Amino acid sequence: MGRVAAPYAVKGWLKIQPFTEYVDSLCGYDTWWLGNSKRPESGWREYPVLETKVHGQTLLVQLQGVNGRDAAEALQGFEVAVNRTDFPAPESDEYYWDDLIGAEVSNTEGVVLGKVQGLLETGANDLLQVSGERLRLIPFVDAFVRDVDIKQGRILVEWGADWDKD
């Protein structure tokens, strides 16, 4: 959900680059997990959040146990995560991208187009990256997406099997 960009000042505060839609989205969580997927041996460690402040397009945070600039510098580059169980429930027509990845995508004609391997944010609308016999980019908008069944891991789209052939 973000990354530790740099230490901030001398008392152990961290500057966080959030990867969330809104800069302050991480402020509502009482506990963060920090780890580094590039250095798995470091593991993930839980940190209670003492205080957060929005600072332009970044966050400033004081975490319990991070006392002083040296401790803050040691966390530079670490990723920020929160427990999935702490996420707010999405609205009825909203989905966490995580829940869509791996879903089987079929069209209204019953043709399986593939599975969602990821999503792209384009500014205009999000695109489902559907991997099957080839990669398809399907706009994740009501005009094309007819049904999303998270529990069954299925997405029904109005998308011809040959619409995006070269």
N, C-alpha and C. Protein backbone atom coordinates (compact mmCIF):
# COMPACT_ATOMS: atom_id res chain seq x y z
N MET A 1 0.82 -1.20 0.00
CA MET A 1 0.00 0.00 0.00
C MET A 1 0.86 1.26 0.00
N GLY A 2 2.15 1.06 0.09
CA GLY A 2 3.07 2.19 0.07
C GLY A 2 4.49 1.70 0.29
N ARG A 3 5.40 2.67 0.40
CA ARG A 3 6.79 2.33 0.64
C ARG A 3 7.43 3.43 1.46
N VAL A 4 8.40 3.03 2.27
CA VAL A 4 9.15 3.98 3.07
C VAL A 4 10.13 4.68 2.12
N ALA A 5 9.89 5.98 1.90
CA ALA A 5 10.72 6.74 0.96
C ALA A 5 12.01 7.22 1.61
N ALA A 6 11.92 7.65 2.87
CA ALA A 6 13.09 8.23 3.53
C ALA A 6 12.80 8.45 5.00
N PRO A 7 13.85 8.61 5.79
CA PRO A 7 13.62 9.06 7.17
C PRO A 7 13.20 10.53 7.12
N TYR A 8 12.54 10.99 8.16
CA TYR A 8 12.12 12.38 8.22
C TYR A 8 12.53 12.95 9.57
N ALA A 9 13.36 13.95 9.56
CA ALA A 9 13.88 14.60 10.76
C ALA A 9 14.75 13.62 11.56
N VAL A 10 14.86 13.83 12.87
CA VAL A 10 15.82 13.05 13.65
C VAL A 10 15.17 12.14 14.71
N LYS A 11 13.86 12.20 14.88
CA LYS A 11 13.22 11.46 15.96
C LYS A 11 12.59 10.14 15.53
N GLY A 12 12.94 9.64 14.33
CA GLY A 12 12.44 8.34 13.90
C GLY A 12 11.20 8.38 13.01
N TRP A 13 10.78 9.56 12.62
CA TRP A 13 9.65 9.66 11.71
C TRP A 13 10.06 9.15 10.34
N LEU A 14 9.08 8.65 9.59
CA LEU A 14 9.31 8.14 8.25
C LEU A 14 8.47 8.91 7.24
N LYS A 15 9.03 9.10 6.05
CA LYS A 15 8.28 9.68 4.93
C LYS A 15 7.81 8.50 4.08
N ILE A 16 6.51 8.42 3.85
CA ILE A 16 5.89 7.30 3.14
C ILE A 16 5.35 7.77 1.79
N GLN A 17 5.68 7.01 0.76
CA GLN A 17 5.08 7.22 -0.56
C GLN A 17 3.90 6.26 -0.64
N PRO A 18 2.66 6.78 -0.52
CA PRO A 18 1.50 5.88 -0.58
C PRO A 18 1.20 5.43 -2.01
N PHE A 19 0.72 4.20 -2.15
CA PHE A 19 0.29 3.67 -3.45
C PHE A 19 -1.24 3.59 -3.50
N THR A 20 -1.90 4.26 -2.59
CA THR A 20 -3.36 4.22 -2.49
C THR A 20 -3.97 5.35 -3.33
N GLU A 21 -5.26 5.25 -3.56
CA GLU A 21 -5.94 6.26 -4.37
C GLU A 21 -5.86 7.64 -3.72
N TYR A 22 -6.00 7.69 -2.41
CA TYR A 22 -5.94 8.94 -1.67
C TYR A 22 -4.71 8.92 -0.77
N VAL A 23 -4.05 10.05 -0.65
CA VAL A 23 -2.82 10.13 0.14
C VAL A 23 -3.05 9.68 1.58
N ASP A 24 -4.19 10.04 2.15
CA ASP A 24 -4.43 9.75 3.57
C ASP A 24 -5.08 8.39 3.84
N SER A 25 -5.21 7.53 2.83
CA SER A 25 -5.88 6.24 3.03
C SER A 25 -5.24 5.38 4.10
N LEU A 26 -3.94 5.46 4.28
CA LEU A 26 -3.26 4.64 5.29
C LEU A 26 -3.44 5.18 6.71
N CYS A 27 -3.90 6.42 6.82
CA CYS A 27 -4.02 7.05 8.14
C CYS A 27 -5.03 6.37 9.05
N GLY A 28 -5.97 5.66 8.49
CA GLY A 28 -7.02 5.04 9.29
C GLY A 28 -6.65 3.70 9.91
N TYR A 29 -5.44 3.21 9.68
CA TYR A 29 -5.04 1.90 10.19
C TYR A 29 -4.16 2.06 11.42
N ASP A 30 -4.47 1.29 12.46
CA ASP A 30 -3.72 1.37 13.72
C ASP A 30 -2.41 0.62 13.68
N THR A 31 -2.30 -0.35 12.77
CA THR A 31 -1.11 -1.18 12.69
C THR A 31 -0.69 -1.32 11.24
N TRP A 32 0.61 -1.18 10.99
CA TRP A 32 1.18 -1.40 9.67
C TRP A 32 2.17 -2.54 9.75
N TRP A 33 2.40 -3.18 8.63
CA TRP A 33 3.43 -4.20 8.49
C TRP A 33 4.47 -3.64 7.53
N LEU A 34 5.73 -3.76 7.88
CA LEU A 34 6.81 -3.34 6.99
C LEU A 34 7.68 -4.53 6.65
N GLY A 35 8.04 -4.61 5.38
CA GLY A 35 8.90 -5.68 4.91
C GLY A 35 9.48 -5.30 3.56
N ASN A 36 10.30 -6.18 3.04
CA ASN A 36 10.94 -5.90 1.77
C ASN A 36 10.90 -7.15 0.91
N SER A 37 10.06 -7.16 -0.11
CA SER A 37 9.92 -8.35 -0.96
C SER A 37 11.20 -8.63 -1.74
N LYS A 38 12.08 -7.64 -1.88
CA LYS A 38 13.36 -7.85 -2.56
C LYS A 38 14.40 -8.46 -1.62
N ARG A 39 14.11 -8.37 -0.32
CA ARG A 39 14.99 -8.98 0.68
C ARG A 39 14.12 -9.83 1.63
N PRO A 40 13.63 -10.98 1.14
CA PRO A 40 12.70 -11.79 1.93
C PRO A 40 13.26 -12.22 3.29
N GLU A 41 14.56 -12.30 3.39
CA GLU A 41 15.16 -12.70 4.67
C GLU A 41 14.87 -11.69 5.78
N SER A 42 14.51 -10.47 5.39
CA SER A 42 14.20 -9.44 6.40
C SER A 42 12.86 -9.72 7.08
N GLY A 43 11.98 -10.48 6.43
CA GLY A 43 10.67 -10.78 7.00
C GLY A 43 9.78 -9.55 7.06
N TRP A 44 8.58 -9.74 7.53
CA TRP A 44 7.63 -8.64 7.72
C TRP A 44 7.46 -8.45 9.21
N ARG A 45 7.42 -7.19 9.64
CA ARG A 45 7.31 -6.90 11.07
C ARG A 45 6.14 -5.94 11.29
N GLU A 46 5.42 -6.19 12.36
CA GLU A 46 4.25 -5.39 12.71
C GLU A 46 4.68 -4.17 13.53
N TYR A 47 4.11 -3.00 13.15
CA TYR A 47 4.41 -1.76 13.86
C TYR A 47 3.11 -1.04 14.21
N PRO A 48 2.83 -0.81 15.48
CA PRO A 48 1.70 0.06 15.83
C PRO A 48 1.98 1.49 15.37
N VAL A 49 0.96 2.14 14.84
CA VAL A 49 1.08 3.51 14.34
C VAL A 49 0.79 4.46 15.49
N LEU A 50 1.73 5.36 15.76
CA LEU A 50 1.55 6.33 16.83
C LEU A 50 0.92 7.62 16.31
N GLU A 51 1.36 8.07 15.13
CA GLU A 51 0.84 9.32 14.58
C GLU A 51 1.11 9.37 13.07
N THR A 52 0.17 9.97 12.32
CA THR A 52 0.36 10.18 10.88
C THR A 52 0.00 11.62 10.54
N LYS A 53 0.65 12.13 9.51
CA LYS A 53 0.36 13.48 9.01
C LYS A 53 0.49 13.46 7.49
N VAL A 54 -0.44 14.12 6.80
CA VAL A 54 -0.32 14.29 5.36
C VAL A 54 0.69 15.41 5.11
N HIS A 55 1.62 15.14 4.20
CA HIS A 55 2.69 16.10 3.88
C HIS A 55 2.80 16.19 2.37
N GLY A 56 1.98 17.03 1.75
CA GLY A 56 1.92 17.11 0.28
C GLY A 56 1.35 15.82 -0.28
N GLN A 57 2.10 15.14 -1.14
CA GLN A 57 1.67 13.87 -1.73
C GLN A 57 2.27 12.67 -0.98
N THR A 58 2.83 12.92 0.19
CA THR A 58 3.40 11.84 1.00
C THR A 58 2.77 11.87 2.39
N LEU A 59 3.09 10.85 3.15
CA LEU A 59 2.67 10.78 4.55
C LEU A 59 3.90 10.83 5.43
N LEU A 60 3.74 11.42 6.59
CA LEU A 60 4.75 11.32 7.63
C LEU A 60 4.15 10.45 8.71
N VAL A 61 4.94 9.51 9.23
CA VAL A 61 4.41 8.59 10.22
C VAL A 61 5.45 8.34 11.31
N GLN A 62 4.93 8.21 12.52
CA GLN A 62 5.77 7.78 13.63
C GLN A 62 5.25 6.41 14.06
N LEU A 63 6.14 5.41 13.99
CA LEU A 63 5.78 4.04 14.35
C LEU A 63 6.42 3.68 15.68
N GLN A 64 5.70 2.92 16.46
CA GLN A 64 6.23 2.45 17.74
C GLN A 64 7.47 1.59 17.50
N GLY A 65 8.52 1.87 18.24
CA GLY A 65 9.75 1.10 18.12
C GLY A 65 10.75 1.65 17.13
N VAL A 66 10.37 2.68 16.37
CA VAL A 66 11.31 3.32 15.45
C VAL A 66 11.74 4.63 16.11
N ASN A 67 12.82 4.53 16.86
CA ASN A 67 13.28 5.66 17.67
C ASN A 67 14.60 6.17 17.13
N GLY A 68 14.57 7.30 16.50
CA GLY A 68 15.79 7.91 16.00
C GLY A 68 15.98 7.73 14.51
N ARG A 69 16.82 8.58 13.98
CA ARG A 69 17.06 8.60 12.54
C ARG A 69 17.69 7.31 12.02
N ASP A 70 18.60 6.72 12.78
CA ASP A 70 19.25 5.48 12.33
C ASP A 70 18.23 4.36 12.13
N ALA A 71 17.30 4.23 13.07
CA ALA A 71 16.26 3.20 12.95
C ALA A 71 15.36 3.48 11.74
N ALA A 72 15.08 4.76 11.49
CA ALA A 72 14.26 5.14 10.34
C ALA A 72 15.01 4.86 9.03
N GLU A 73 16.28 5.15 8.98
CA GLU A 73 17.07 4.90 7.78
C GLU A 73 17.13 3.41 7.44
N ALA A 74 17.15 2.56 8.46
CA ALA A 74 17.20 1.11 8.24
C ALA A 74 15.95 0.59 7.55
N LEU A 75 14.86 1.34 7.61
CA LEU A 75 13.59 0.91 6.99
C LEU A 75 13.37 1.51 5.61
N GLN A 76 14.27 2.37 5.16
CA GLN A 76 14.12 3.00 3.85
C GLN A 76 14.01 1.93 2.76
N GLY A 77 13.01 2.07 1.89
CA GLY A 77 12.79 1.12 0.81
C GLY A 77 11.84 -0.01 1.18
N PHE A 78 11.54 -0.16 2.47
CA PHE A 78 10.62 -1.22 2.88
C PHE A 78 9.22 -0.89 2.39
N GLU A 79 8.43 -1.93 2.15
CA GLU A 79 7.06 -1.78 1.70
C GLU A 79 6.13 -1.71 2.91
N VAL A 80 5.01 -1.03 2.72
CA VAL A 80 4.00 -0.88 3.77
C VAL A 80 2.79 -1.71 3.40
N ALA A 81 2.33 -2.51 4.35
CA ALA A 81 1.13 -3.32 4.14
C ALA A 81 0.25 -3.22 5.38
N VAL A 82 -1.01 -3.56 5.21
CA VAL A 82 -1.94 -3.68 6.33
C VAL A 82 -2.66 -5.01 6.19
N ASN A 83 -3.21 -5.50 7.29
CA ASN A 83 -3.97 -6.75 7.24
C ASN A 83 -5.20 -6.59 6.37
N ARG A 84 -5.43 -7.54 5.51
CA ARG A 84 -6.60 -7.51 4.63
C ARG A 84 -7.89 -7.46 5.44
N THR A 85 -7.90 -8.11 6.60
CA THR A 85 -9.11 -8.11 7.43
C THR A 85 -9.44 -6.72 7.97
N ASP A 86 -8.50 -5.79 7.91
CA ASP A 86 -8.73 -4.42 8.37
C ASP A 86 -9.27 -3.52 7.27
N PHE A 87 -9.32 -4.00 6.03
CA PHE A 87 -9.85 -3.19 4.93
C PHE A 87 -11.33 -2.94 5.16
N PRO A 88 -11.82 -1.75 4.79
CA PRO A 88 -13.27 -1.53 4.84
C PRO A 88 -13.94 -2.36 3.75
N ALA A 89 -15.16 -2.77 3.99
CA ALA A 89 -15.90 -3.54 2.99
C ALA A 89 -16.17 -2.63 1.79
N PRO A 90 -15.95 -3.14 0.56
CA PRO A 90 -16.22 -2.31 -0.61
C PRO A 90 -17.73 -2.12 -0.80
N GLU A 91 -18.09 -1.04 -1.48
CA GLU A 91 -19.49 -0.81 -1.83
C GLU A 91 -19.95 -1.92 -2.77
N SER A 92 -21.24 -2.03 -2.99
CA SER A 92 -21.77 -3.14 -3.79
C SER A 92 -21.24 -3.16 -5.23
N ASP A 93 -20.90 -2.01 -5.78
CA ASP A 93 -20.40 -1.98 -7.16
C ASP A 93 -18.90 -1.68 -7.22
N GLU A 94 -18.19 -1.89 -6.11
CA GLU A 94 -16.76 -1.67 -6.05
C GLU A 94 -16.04 -2.97 -5.70
N TYR A 95 -14.79 -3.08 -6.14
CA TYR A 95 -14.03 -4.31 -5.90
C TYR A 95 -12.58 -3.94 -5.60
N TYR A 96 -11.98 -4.72 -4.74
CA TYR A 96 -10.54 -4.60 -4.57
C TYR A 96 -9.89 -5.34 -5.73
N TRP A 97 -8.88 -4.73 -6.33
CA TRP A 97 -8.21 -5.34 -7.47
C TRP A 97 -7.72 -6.73 -7.13
N ASP A 98 -7.24 -6.89 -5.93
CA ASP A 98 -6.76 -8.19 -5.45
C ASP A 98 -7.81 -9.29 -5.65
N ASP A 99 -9.07 -8.93 -5.45
CA ASP A 99 -10.16 -9.91 -5.57
C ASP A 99 -10.44 -10.28 -7.02
N LEU A 100 -10.05 -9.42 -7.95
CA LEU A 100 -10.32 -9.68 -9.36
C LEU A 100 -9.23 -10.53 -10.02
N ILE A 101 -8.01 -10.43 -9.50
CA ILE A 101 -6.89 -11.16 -10.09
C ILE A 101 -7.11 -12.66 -9.92
N GLY A 102 -6.99 -13.38 -11.02
CA GLY A 102 -7.21 -14.82 -11.02
C GLY A 102 -8.62 -15.22 -11.42
N ALA A 103 -9.54 -14.26 -11.49
CA ALA A 103 -10.92 -14.57 -11.88
C ALA A 103 -10.98 -15.00 -13.35
N GLU A 104 -11.83 -15.98 -13.63
CA GLU A 104 -12.04 -16.43 -15.01
C GLU A 104 -12.97 -15.45 -15.70
N VAL A 105 -12.59 -15.05 -16.92
CA VAL A 105 -13.38 -14.10 -17.69
C VAL A 105 -14.00 -14.82 -18.88
N SER A 106 -15.34 -14.75 -18.96
CA SER A 106 -16.09 -15.34 -20.08
C SER A 106 -16.92 -14.25 -20.71
N ASN A 107 -17.21 -14.44 -22.00
CA ASN A 107 -18.11 -13.47 -22.63
C ASN A 107 -19.54 -13.99 -22.60
N THR A 108 -20.47 -13.15 -23.03
CA THR A 108 -21.90 -13.50 -22.98
C THR A 108 -22.26 -14.62 -23.94
N GLU A 109 -21.33 -14.99 -24.83
CA GLU A 109 -21.55 -16.12 -25.75
C GLU A 109 -21.04 -17.42 -25.15
N GLY A 110 -20.52 -17.36 -23.93
CA GLY A 110 -20.02 -18.56 -23.25
C GLY A 110 -18.57 -18.91 -23.55
N VAL A 111 -17.86 -18.05 -24.24
CA VAL A 111 -16.45 -18.30 -24.57
C VAL A 111 -15.57 -17.82 -23.42
N VAL A 112 -14.73 -18.72 -22.90
CA VAL A 112 -13.78 -18.34 -21.85
C VAL A 112 -12.62 -17.60 -22.51
N LEU A 113 -12.42 -16.35 -22.09
CA LEU A 113 -11.38 -15.52 -22.68
C LEU A 113 -10.06 -15.65 -21.94
N GLY A 114 -10.09 -16.09 -20.71
CA GLY A 114 -8.87 -16.25 -19.93
C GLY A 114 -9.10 -15.86 -18.48
N LYS A 115 -8.00 -15.56 -17.81
CA LYS A 115 -8.05 -15.16 -16.39
C LYS A 115 -7.43 -13.78 -16.22
N VAL A 116 -7.94 -13.05 -15.24
CA VAL A 116 -7.40 -11.72 -14.95
C VAL A 116 -6.02 -11.89 -14.34
N GLN A 117 -5.01 -11.34 -15.01
CA GLN A 117 -3.65 -11.40 -14.49
C GLN A 117 -3.26 -10.10 -13.82
N GLY A 118 -4.01 -9.04 -14.06
CA GLY A 118 -3.72 -7.75 -13.45
C GLY A 118 -4.69 -6.71 -13.96
N LEU A 119 -4.53 -5.50 -13.48
CA LEU A 119 -5.34 -4.37 -13.93
C LEU A 119 -4.43 -3.20 -14.20
N LEU A 120 -4.85 -2.35 -15.11
CA LEU A 120 -4.11 -1.14 -15.44
C LEU A 120 -5.01 0.07 -15.19
N GLU A 121 -4.44 1.08 -14.58
CA GLU A 121 -5.16 2.33 -14.38
C GLU A 121 -4.73 3.27 -15.49
N THR A 122 -5.68 3.71 -16.32
CA THR A 122 -5.32 4.55 -17.46
C THR A 122 -5.68 6.01 -17.27
N GLY A 123 -6.44 6.32 -16.25
CA GLY A 123 -6.93 7.68 -16.08
C GLY A 123 -8.37 7.80 -16.55
N ALA A 124 -8.65 7.27 -17.74
CA ALA A 124 -10.02 7.29 -18.25
C ALA A 124 -10.85 6.19 -17.57
N ASN A 125 -10.29 4.99 -17.52
CA ASN A 125 -10.94 3.86 -16.85
C ASN A 125 -9.89 2.78 -16.62
N ASP A 126 -10.21 1.85 -15.76
CA ASP A 126 -9.30 0.74 -15.50
C ASP A 126 -9.48 -0.33 -16.57
N LEU A 127 -8.40 -1.07 -16.84
CA LEU A 127 -8.44 -2.15 -17.82
C LEU A 127 -8.12 -3.47 -17.15
N LEU A 128 -8.95 -4.48 -17.44
CA LEU A 128 -8.63 -5.85 -17.01
C LEU A 128 -7.58 -6.40 -17.96
N GLN A 129 -6.50 -6.94 -17.45
CA GLN A 129 -5.52 -7.65 -18.28
C GLN A 129 -5.90 -9.12 -18.22
N VAL A 130 -6.48 -9.61 -19.30
CA VAL A 130 -6.99 -10.98 -19.34
C VAL A 130 -6.03 -11.83 -20.17
N SER A 131 -5.46 -12.84 -19.52
CA SER A 131 -4.50 -13.71 -20.16
C SER A 131 -5.16 -15.03 -20.51
N GLY A 132 -5.18 -15.34 -21.80
CA GLY A 132 -5.73 -16.59 -22.32
C GLY A 132 -4.84 -17.04 -23.45
N GLU A 133 -5.44 -17.32 -24.62
CA GLU A 133 -4.60 -17.68 -25.77
C GLU A 133 -3.79 -16.46 -26.22
N ARG A 134 -4.19 -15.27 -25.77
CA ARG A 134 -3.43 -14.04 -25.96
C ARG A 134 -3.88 -13.05 -24.88
N LEU A 135 -3.14 -11.98 -24.72
CA LEU A 135 -3.48 -10.97 -23.73
C LEU A 135 -4.56 -10.05 -24.30
N ARG A 136 -5.60 -9.85 -23.50
CA ARG A 136 -6.66 -8.91 -23.88
C ARG A 136 -6.73 -7.82 -22.82
N LEU A 137 -7.00 -6.61 -23.25
CA LEU A 137 -7.23 -5.49 -22.35
C LEU A 137 -8.69 -5.09 -22.48
N ILE A 138 -9.45 -5.36 -21.44
CA ILE A 138 -10.90 -5.12 -21.47
C ILE A 138 -11.23 -4.01 -20.49
N PRO A 139 -11.85 -2.92 -20.97
CA PRO A 139 -12.21 -1.83 -20.06
C PRO A 139 -13.14 -2.34 -18.94
N PHE A 140 -12.80 -1.99 -17.71
CA PHE A 140 -13.60 -2.41 -16.57
C PHE A 140 -14.67 -1.34 -16.31
N VAL A 141 -15.64 -1.31 -17.22
CA VAL A 141 -16.75 -0.35 -17.17
C VAL A 141 -18.05 -1.10 -17.43
N ASP A 142 -19.16 -0.50 -16.98
CA ASP A 142 -20.48 -1.14 -17.11
C ASP A 142 -20.83 -1.52 -18.55
N ALA A 143 -20.34 -0.76 -19.53
CA ALA A 143 -20.67 -1.06 -20.93
C ALA A 143 -20.16 -2.44 -21.35
N PHE A 144 -19.10 -2.95 -20.72
CA PHE A 144 -18.52 -4.23 -21.10
C PHE A 144 -18.62 -5.29 -20.00
N VAL A 145 -18.59 -4.88 -18.76
CA VAL A 145 -18.62 -5.84 -17.65
C VAL A 145 -20.07 -6.02 -17.21
N ARG A 146 -20.59 -7.23 -17.42
CA ARG A 146 -21.99 -7.52 -17.11
C ARG A 146 -22.19 -8.03 -15.69
N ASP A 147 -21.23 -8.82 -15.19
CA ASP A 147 -21.39 -9.39 -13.85
C ASP A 147 -20.02 -9.74 -13.28
N VAL A 148 -19.86 -9.50 -11.99
CA VAL A 148 -18.65 -9.89 -11.27
C VAL A 148 -19.09 -10.73 -10.09
N ASP A 149 -18.62 -11.95 -10.03
CA ASP A 149 -18.94 -12.87 -8.93
C ASP A 149 -17.63 -13.21 -8.23
N ILE A 150 -17.32 -12.45 -7.19
CA ILE A 150 -16.06 -12.63 -6.47
C ILE A 150 -16.00 -14.02 -5.84
N LYS A 151 -17.10 -14.47 -5.24
CA LYS A 151 -17.10 -15.77 -4.55
C LYS A 151 -16.81 -16.93 -5.50
N GLN A 152 -17.33 -16.86 -6.71
CA GLN A 152 -17.11 -17.90 -7.71
C GLN A 152 -15.85 -17.65 -8.55
N GLY A 153 -15.28 -16.45 -8.43
CA GLY A 153 -14.09 -16.12 -9.21
C GLY A 153 -14.37 -16.01 -10.69
N ARG A 154 -15.50 -15.36 -11.03
CA ARG A 154 -15.89 -15.25 -12.43
C ARG A 154 -16.31 -13.82 -12.78
N ILE A 155 -16.00 -13.45 -14.01
CA ILE A 155 -16.41 -12.15 -14.54
C ILE A 155 -17.03 -12.41 -15.91
N LEU A 156 -18.22 -11.86 -16.13
CA LEU A 156 -18.93 -11.99 -17.40
C LEU A 156 -18.82 -10.66 -18.13
N VAL A 157 -18.37 -10.72 -19.39
CA VAL A 157 -18.17 -9.49 -20.16
C VAL A 157 -18.90 -9.56 -21.50
N GLU A 158 -19.24 -8.40 -22.00
CA GLU A 158 -19.78 -8.25 -23.36
C GLU A 158 -18.58 -7.90 -24.22
N TRP A 159 -17.89 -8.95 -24.70
CA TRP A 159 -16.63 -8.76 -25.43
C TRP A 159 -16.47 -9.91 -26.40
N GLY A 160 -16.49 -9.61 -27.68
CA GLY A 160 -16.33 -10.65 -28.70
C GLY A 160 -14.96 -11.29 -28.63
N ALA A 161 -14.90 -12.59 -28.87
CA ALA A 161 -13.64 -13.32 -28.81
C ALA A 161 -12.63 -12.80 -29.84
N ASP A 162 -13.12 -12.16 -30.92
CA ASP A 162 -12.22 -11.69 -31.97
C ASP A 162 -12.13 -10.16 -32.03
N TRP A 163 -12.64 -9.48 -31.03
CA TRP A 163 -12.67 -8.01 -31.07
C TRP A 163 -11.30 -7.37 -31.09
N ASP A 164 -10.36 -7.97 -30.46
CA ASP A 164 -9.06 -7.31 -30.31
C ASP A 164 -7.93 -8.04 -31.04
N LYS A 165 -8.30 -8.79 -32.07
CA LYS A 165 -7.26 -9.46 -32.87
C LYS A 165 -6.55 -8.44 -33.73
N ASP A 166 -5.27 -8.69 -33.97
CA ASP A 166 -4.47 -7.78 -34.82
C ASP A 166 -4.87 -7.92 -36.27
